[in-house]
Amino acid sequence: MAGGAKIVDPRAFARTISAYGLLPEELLVPTAIGLPVIELLAGLCLSFNVRGSLTAICALLTCFLFVLGYAISKNLDVDCGCFSQLEIHARNSLLVAFLRDLGLMAVAFYLMACK
């Protein structure tokens, strides 16, 4: 779901990524296209119980947590880039996204432990 929303408008997602100031300009477009594709594939593979997909989801969540943590620590006023443009104006959207990703990580670890 999150990957699909970003695939629709990669230019907007590239601007969102740029606002974090973590990537050089030449990596913005490949990241804005590649990351949503990876998210979408990982989600689809997880739906079909493909081996390694839960690990891929955990890796993505770890990256997202680091980026969100960085933005929170720098007090950046940016869109989290998570799901849609609706989150841009949400109060404390970075903190909400960080806590949501922590919850998703907890669920992923639980699922890994149950295997």
Protein backbone atom coordinates (compact mmCIF):
# COMPACT_ATOMS: atom_id res chain seq x y z
CA MET A 1 0.00 0.00 0.00
CA ALA A 2 2.68 2.55 0.99
CA GLY A 3 4.86 1.61 -1.97
CA GLY A 4 1.94 1.92 -4.37
CA ALA A 5 1.16 5.47 -3.25
CA LYS A 6 4.78 6.48 -3.92
CA ILE A 7 4.98 4.77 -7.31
CA VAL A 8 2.11 6.91 -8.59
CA ASP A 9 4.10 10.16 -8.15
CA PRO A 10 7.86 9.51 -7.94
CA ARG A 11 8.68 13.22 -8.40
CA ALA A 12 6.75 14.14 -5.26
CA PHE A 13 8.45 11.31 -3.39
CA ALA A 14 11.86 12.51 -4.64
CA ARG A 15 11.07 15.98 -3.22
CA THR A 16 10.10 14.37 0.09
CA ILE A 17 13.36 12.40 0.19
CA SER A 18 15.31 15.56 -0.67
CA ALA A 19 13.80 17.42 2.30
CA TYR A 20 15.62 15.05 4.67
CA GLY A 21 18.98 16.10 3.24
CA LEU A 22 20.47 12.61 3.53
CA LEU A 23 21.08 11.71 -0.12
CA PRO A 24 23.02 13.44 -2.86
CA GLU A 25 20.88 14.80 -5.68
CA GLU A 26 21.99 12.13 -8.16
CA LEU A 27 20.52 9.39 -5.92
CA LEU A 28 17.12 11.02 -5.39
CA VAL A 29 15.42 9.75 -8.56
CA PRO A 30 16.75 6.17 -8.36
CA THR A 31 15.73 6.03 -4.70
CA ALA A 32 12.30 7.57 -5.37
CA ILE A 33 11.65 4.90 -7.99
CA GLY A 34 13.47 1.93 -6.45
CA LEU A 35 12.36 2.17 -2.83
CA PRO A 36 8.61 2.01 -3.56
CA VAL A 37 9.17 -0.92 -5.92
CA ILE A 38 11.07 -2.77 -3.19
CA GLU A 39 8.32 -1.95 -0.68
CA LEU A 40 5.62 -3.18 -3.02
CA LEU A 41 7.49 -6.38 -3.89
CA ALA A 42 8.27 -7.11 -0.23
CA GLY A 43 4.61 -6.62 0.67
CA LEU A 44 3.41 -8.85 -2.15
CA CYS A 45 5.95 -11.52 -1.28
CA LEU A 46 4.88 -11.34 2.35
CA SER A 47 1.27 -11.84 1.26
CA PHE A 48 2.28 -15.03 -0.52
CA ASN A 49 4.55 -16.19 2.31
CA VAL A 50 7.70 -16.03 0.18
CA ARG A 51 10.81 -16.93 2.13
CA GLY A 52 12.85 -13.87 3.12
CA SER A 53 10.04 -11.37 2.66
CA LEU A 54 9.63 -10.77 6.40
CA THR A 55 13.37 -10.12 6.66
CA ALA A 56 13.08 -7.61 3.82
CA ILE A 57 10.21 -5.89 5.63
CA CYS A 58 12.33 -5.70 8.80
CA ALA A 59 15.23 -4.22 6.84
CA LEU A 60 12.96 -1.58 5.32
CA LEU A 61 11.45 -0.75 8.71
CA THR A 62 14.93 -0.42 10.22
CA CYS A 63 15.92 2.06 7.50
CA PHE A 64 12.70 4.01 7.97
CA LEU A 65 13.20 4.14 11.74
CA PHE A 66 16.71 5.54 11.33
CA VAL A 67 15.56 8.19 8.86
CA LEU A 68 12.57 9.19 11.00
CA GLY A 69 14.72 9.23 14.13
CA TYR A 70 17.20 11.49 12.36
CA ALA A 71 14.44 13.87 11.27
CA ILE A 72 12.98 13.96 14.78
CA SER A 73 16.40 14.59 16.36
CA LYS A 74 17.06 17.46 13.89
CA ASN A 75 13.54 18.82 14.47
CA LEU A 76 12.87 18.77 10.72
CA ASP A 77 9.47 19.95 9.56
CA VAL A 78 9.05 17.49 6.69
CA ASP A 79 6.54 15.01 5.36
CA CYS A 80 7.39 11.55 6.62
CA GLY A 81 6.88 10.21 3.08
CA CYS A 82 5.15 7.16 4.47
CA PHE A 83 1.73 6.69 2.94
CA SER A 84 0.16 9.74 1.37
CA GLN A 85 0.08 13.50 1.12
CA LEU A 86 -2.62 13.51 3.80
CA GLU A 87 0.07 13.02 6.45
CA ILE A 88 1.94 16.20 5.52
CA HIS A 89 -0.18 18.47 7.67
CA ALA A 90 -0.72 16.02 10.50
CA ARG A 91 0.62 17.29 13.77
CA ASN A 92 3.67 15.37 14.96
CA SER A 93 3.52 13.24 11.81
CA LEU A 94 7.18 12.19 12.16
CA LEU A 95 6.68 10.99 15.71
CA VAL A 96 3.45 9.21 14.78
CA ALA A 97 5.20 7.53 11.84
CA PHE A 98 8.14 6.55 14.07
CA LEU A 99 5.83 5.00 16.67
CA ARG A 100 3.80 3.25 13.95
CA ASP A 101 6.99 1.77 12.47
CA LEU A 102 8.11 0.63 15.92
CA GLY A 103 4.78 -1.16 16.31
CA LEU A 104 5.15 -2.75 12.87
CA MET A 105 8.67 -3.85 13.78
CA ALA A 106 7.37 -5.44 16.98
CA VAL A 107 4.77 -7.36 14.97
CA ALA A 108 7.42 -8.45 12.47
CA PHE A 109 9.70 -9.69 15.25
CA TYR A 110 6.78 -11.55 16.79
CA LEU A 111 6.03 -13.22 13.46
CA MET A 112 9.69 -14.17 13.05
CA ALA A 113 9.72 -15.68 16.52
CA CYS A 114 6.60 -17.74 15.76
CA LYS A 115 8.12 -19.38 12.67
